[in-house]
């Protein structure tokens, strides 16, 4: 995100798509939040849960993904570039495969965010 963009009050998916892929961001109701690298314990939990979910879903028609994977959350029927909430859940299960493209537009999902306190 450029300095000029940082001064902007409200962002949309169209803005988000132009930001550097070397940085991870989420948009929540148009506000940009930088994402830090997760702790080791966080990644261990995500890996374990991902394995359990993979095993459970084997042979079923839904798909599962591990972050980073952008999920657009439209409020109504706005065009993709006008969506102002884009998140990257740690684990994602998509039930309606017709909603998938290179990113996921979510209608029905289980999204898991693993929260780990920084106990240094």
C-alpha atoms as a PDB file:
ATOM      1  CA  UNK A   1       0.000   0.000   0.000  1.00  0.00           C
ATOM      2  CA  UNK A   2       1.411   3.412  -0.931  1.00  0.00           C
ATOM      3  CA  UNK A   3       1.568   6.417   1.403  1.00  0.00           C
ATOM      4  CA  UNK A   4      -1.208   8.092  -0.585  1.00  0.00           C
ATOM      5  CA  UNK A   5      -3.379   5.024  -0.143  1.00  0.00           C
ATOM      6  CA  UNK A   6      -2.730   5.036   3.613  1.00  0.00           C
ATOM      7  CA  UNK A   7      -4.483   8.413   3.794  1.00  0.00           C
ATOM      8  CA  UNK A   8      -7.642   7.000   2.259  1.00  0.00           C
ATOM      9  CA  UNK A   9     -10.521   6.387   4.676  1.00  0.00           C
ATOM     10  CA  UNK A  10     -12.292   3.480   2.985  1.00  0.00           C
ATOM     11  CA  UNK A  11     -10.883   0.680   0.815  1.00  0.00           C
ATOM     12  CA  UNK A  12     -12.470  -1.808  -1.549  1.00  0.00           C
ATOM     13  CA  UNK A  13     -11.438  -5.084  -3.102  1.00  0.00           C
ATOM     14  CA  UNK A  14     -10.338  -3.148  -6.220  1.00  0.00           C
ATOM     15  CA  UNK A  15      -7.789  -1.262  -4.055  1.00  0.00           C
ATOM     16  CA  UNK A  16      -6.745  -4.436  -2.254  1.00  0.00           C
ATOM     17  CA  UNK A  17      -5.950  -6.217  -5.540  1.00  0.00           C
ATOM     18  CA  UNK A  18      -3.370  -3.540  -6.389  1.00  0.00           C
ATOM     19  CA  UNK A  19      -1.390  -3.849  -3.154  1.00  0.00           C
ATOM     20  CA  UNK A  20       1.929  -5.693  -2.987  1.00  0.00           C
ATOM     21  CA  UNK A  21       1.600  -9.453  -2.546  1.00  0.00           C
ATOM     22  CA  UNK A  22       4.649  -9.350  -0.273  1.00  0.00           C
ATOM     23  CA  UNK A  23       2.432  -7.908   2.483  1.00  0.00           C
ATOM     24  CA  UNK A  24      -0.690  -9.487   3.969  1.00  0.00           C
ATOM     25  CA  UNK A  25      -3.744  -7.339   4.610  1.00  0.00           C
ATOM     26  CA  UNK A  26      -7.373  -7.828   5.529  1.00  0.00           C
ATOM     27  CA  UNK A  27     -10.201  -5.390   4.884  1.00  0.00           C
ATOM     28  CA  UNK A  28     -13.012  -5.203   7.378  1.00  0.00           C
ATOM     29  CA  UNK A  29     -15.787  -2.820   6.404  1.00  0.00           C
ATOM     30  CA  UNK A  30     -13.309  -0.834   4.319  1.00  0.00           C
ATOM     31  CA  UNK A  31     -10.605  -0.490   6.982  1.00  0.00           C
ATOM     32  CA  UNK A  32      -7.222  -2.032   6.109  1.00  0.00           C
ATOM     33  CA  UNK A  33      -5.480  -4.135   8.760  1.00  0.00           C
ATOM     34  CA  UNK A  34      -1.882  -5.303   8.300  1.00  0.00           C
ATOM     35  CA  UNK A  35      -1.323  -8.920   9.280  1.00  0.00           C
ATOM     36  CA  UNK A  36       1.763 -10.032  11.145  1.00  0.00           C
ATOM     37  CA  UNK A  37       3.452 -13.392  10.729  1.00  0.00           C
ATOM     38  CA  UNK A  38       1.864 -15.961  13.055  1.00  0.00           C
ATOM     39  CA  UNK A  39       3.673 -17.550  15.987  1.00  0.00           C
ATOM     40  CA  UNK A  40       5.010 -21.105  15.757  1.00  0.00           C
ATOM     41  CA  UNK A  41       2.323 -22.478  18.115  1.00  0.00           C
ATOM     42  CA  UNK A  42      -0.341 -20.879  15.932  1.00  0.00           C
ATOM     43  CA  UNK A  43       1.023 -22.719  12.892  1.00  0.00           C
ATOM     44  CA  UNK A  44       1.141 -26.009  14.823  1.00  0.00           C
ATOM     45  CA  UNK A  45      -2.531 -25.641  15.768  1.00  0.00           C
ATOM     46  CA  UNK A  46      -3.516 -24.706  12.203  1.00  0.00           C
ATOM     47  CA  UNK A  47      -1.591 -27.714  10.859  1.00  0.00           C
ATOM     48  CA  UNK A  48      -3.228 -30.133  13.285  1.00  0.00           C
ATOM     49  CA  UNK A  49      -6.751 -28.796  12.685  1.00  0.00           C
ATOM     50  CA  UNK A  50      -6.142 -28.743   8.927  1.00  0.00           C
ATOM     51  CA  UNK A  51      -5.167 -32.412   9.022  1.00  0.00           C
ATOM     52  CA  UNK A  52      -8.278 -33.305  11.024  1.00  0.00           C
ATOM     53  CA  UNK A  53     -10.520 -31.360   8.635  1.00  0.00           C
ATOM     54  CA  UNK A  54      -8.820 -32.923   5.592  1.00  0.00           C
ATOM     55  CA  UNK A  55      -9.437 -36.402   6.985  1.00  0.00           C
ATOM     56  CA  UNK A  56     -13.060 -35.663   7.824  1.00  0.00           C
ATOM     57  CA  UNK A  57     -13.835 -34.138   4.412  1.00  0.00           C
ATOM     58  CA  UNK A  58     -12.189 -36.893   2.384  1.00  0.00           C
ATOM     59  CA  UNK A  59     -14.644 -38.030  -0.281  1.00  0.00           C
ATOM     60  CA  UNK A  60     -17.067 -35.160   0.365  1.00  0.00           C
ATOM     61  CA  UNK A  61     -17.961 -32.525  -2.245  1.00  0.00           C
ATOM     62  CA  UNK A  62     -16.646 -29.482  -0.359  1.00  0.00           C
ATOM     63  CA  UNK A  63     -13.099 -28.046  -0.460  1.00  0.00           C
ATOM     64  CA  UNK A  64     -10.825 -26.836   2.324  1.00  0.00           C
ATOM     65  CA  UNK A  65      -8.027 -24.282   2.231  1.00  0.00           C
ATOM     66  CA  UNK A  66      -5.308 -22.941   4.527  1.00  0.00           C
ATOM     67  CA  UNK A  67      -4.360 -19.234   4.708  1.00  0.00           C
ATOM     68  CA  UNK A  68      -3.380 -17.195   2.917  1.00  0.00           C
ATOM     69  CA  UNK A  69      -6.501 -17.482   0.787  1.00  0.00           C
ATOM     70  CA  UNK A  70      -8.572 -14.342   0.172  1.00  0.00           C
ATOM     71  CA  UNK A  71     -12.242 -14.554   1.039  1.00  0.00           C
ATOM     72  CA  UNK A  72     -14.507 -11.780  -0.227  1.00  0.00           C
ATOM     73  CA  UNK A  73     -17.531 -11.149   1.955  1.00  0.00           C
ATOM     74  CA  UNK A  74     -20.125  -9.112   0.068  1.00  0.00           C
ATOM     75  CA  UNK A  75     -22.801  -7.385   2.120  1.00  0.00           C
ATOM     76  CA  UNK A  76     -25.378  -7.649  -0.661  1.00  0.00           C
ATOM     77  CA  UNK A  77     -25.042  -7.917  -4.446  1.00  0.00           C
ATOM     78  CA  UNK A  78     -22.209  -5.425  -4.972  1.00  0.00           C
ATOM     79  CA  UNK A  79     -19.672  -6.035  -7.738  1.00  0.00           C
ATOM     80  CA  UNK A  80     -16.451  -7.756  -6.644  1.00  0.00           C
ATOM     81  CA  UNK A  81     -14.407  -4.548  -6.923  1.00  0.00           C
ATOM     82  CA  UNK A  82     -16.869  -2.792  -4.560  1.00  0.00           C
ATOM     83  CA  UNK A  83     -16.670  -5.369  -1.756  1.00  0.00           C
ATOM     84  CA  UNK A  84     -15.131  -3.772   1.327  1.00  0.00           C
ATOM     85  CA  UNK A  85     -14.500  -6.870   3.467  1.00  0.00           C
ATOM     86  CA  UNK A  86     -11.766  -9.351   2.509  1.00  0.00           C
ATOM     87  CA  UNK A  87     -10.380 -11.737   5.123  1.00  0.00           C
ATOM     88  CA  UNK A  88      -7.905 -14.614   5.254  1.00  0.00           C
ATOM     89  CA  UNK A  89      -9.207 -17.210   7.719  1.00  0.00           C
ATOM     90  CA  UNK A  90      -6.624 -19.671   8.965  1.00  0.00           C
ATOM     91  CA  UNK A  91      -8.747 -22.558   7.718  1.00  0.00           C
ATOM     92  CA  UNK A  92     -11.644 -22.372   5.296  1.00  0.00           C
ATOM     93  CA  UNK A  93     -14.228 -24.918   4.185  1.00  0.00           C
ATOM     94  CA  UNK A  94     -16.226 -24.008   1.066  1.00  0.00           C
ATOM     95  CA  UNK A  95     -19.491 -25.879   0.597  1.00  0.00           C
ATOM     96  CA  UNK A  96     -20.771 -24.129  -2.539  1.00  0.00           C
ATOM     97  CA  UNK A  97     -18.013 -24.799  -5.086  1.00  0.00           C
ATOM     98  CA  UNK A  98     -19.740 -22.607  -7.682  1.00  0.00           C
ATOM     99  CA  UNK A  99     -18.612 -19.615  -5.587  1.00  0.00           C
ATOM    100  CA  UNK A 100     -14.907 -20.367  -6.124  1.00  0.00           C
ATOM    101  CA  UNK A 101     -12.649 -18.540  -8.531  1.00  0.00           C
ATOM    102  CA  UNK A 102      -9.021 -17.672  -7.790  1.00  0.00           C
ATOM    103  CA  UNK A 103     -10.396 -16.295  -4.531  1.00  0.00           C
ATOM    104  CA  UNK A 104     -13.526 -17.418  -2.668  1.00  0.00           C
ATOM    105  CA  UNK A 105     -16.805 -15.535  -2.494  1.00  0.00           C
ATOM    106  CA  UNK A 106     -18.334 -16.934   0.629  1.00  0.00           C
ATOM    107  CA  UNK A 107     -21.985 -17.730   1.078  1.00  0.00           C
ATOM    108  CA  UNK A 108     -21.796 -20.784   3.339  1.00  0.00           C
ATOM    109  CA  UNK A 109     -18.508 -21.495   5.057  1.00  0.00           C
ATOM    110  CA  UNK A 110     -16.721 -22.494   8.164  1.00  0.00           C
ATOM    111  CA  UNK A 111     -13.832 -20.107   8.645  1.00  0.00           C
ATOM    112  CA  UNK A 112     -11.467 -20.703  11.529  1.00  0.00           C
ATOM    113  CA  UNK A 113      -9.191 -18.036  12.914  1.00  0.00           C
ATOM    114  CA  UNK A 114      -6.689 -19.415  15.400  1.00  0.00           C
ATOM    115  CA  UNK A 115      -5.903 -16.904  18.121  1.00  0.00           C
ATOM    116  CA  UNK A 116      -2.694 -17.428  20.064  1.00  0.00           C
ATOM    117  CA  UNK A 117      -1.473 -15.078  22.757  1.00  0.00           C
ATOM    118  CA  UNK A 118       2.072 -13.876  22.482  1.00  0.00           C
ATOM    119  CA  UNK A 119       3.566 -15.267  25.694  1.00  0.00           C
ATOM    120  CA  UNK A 120       7.203 -14.338  25.436  1.00  0.00           C
END
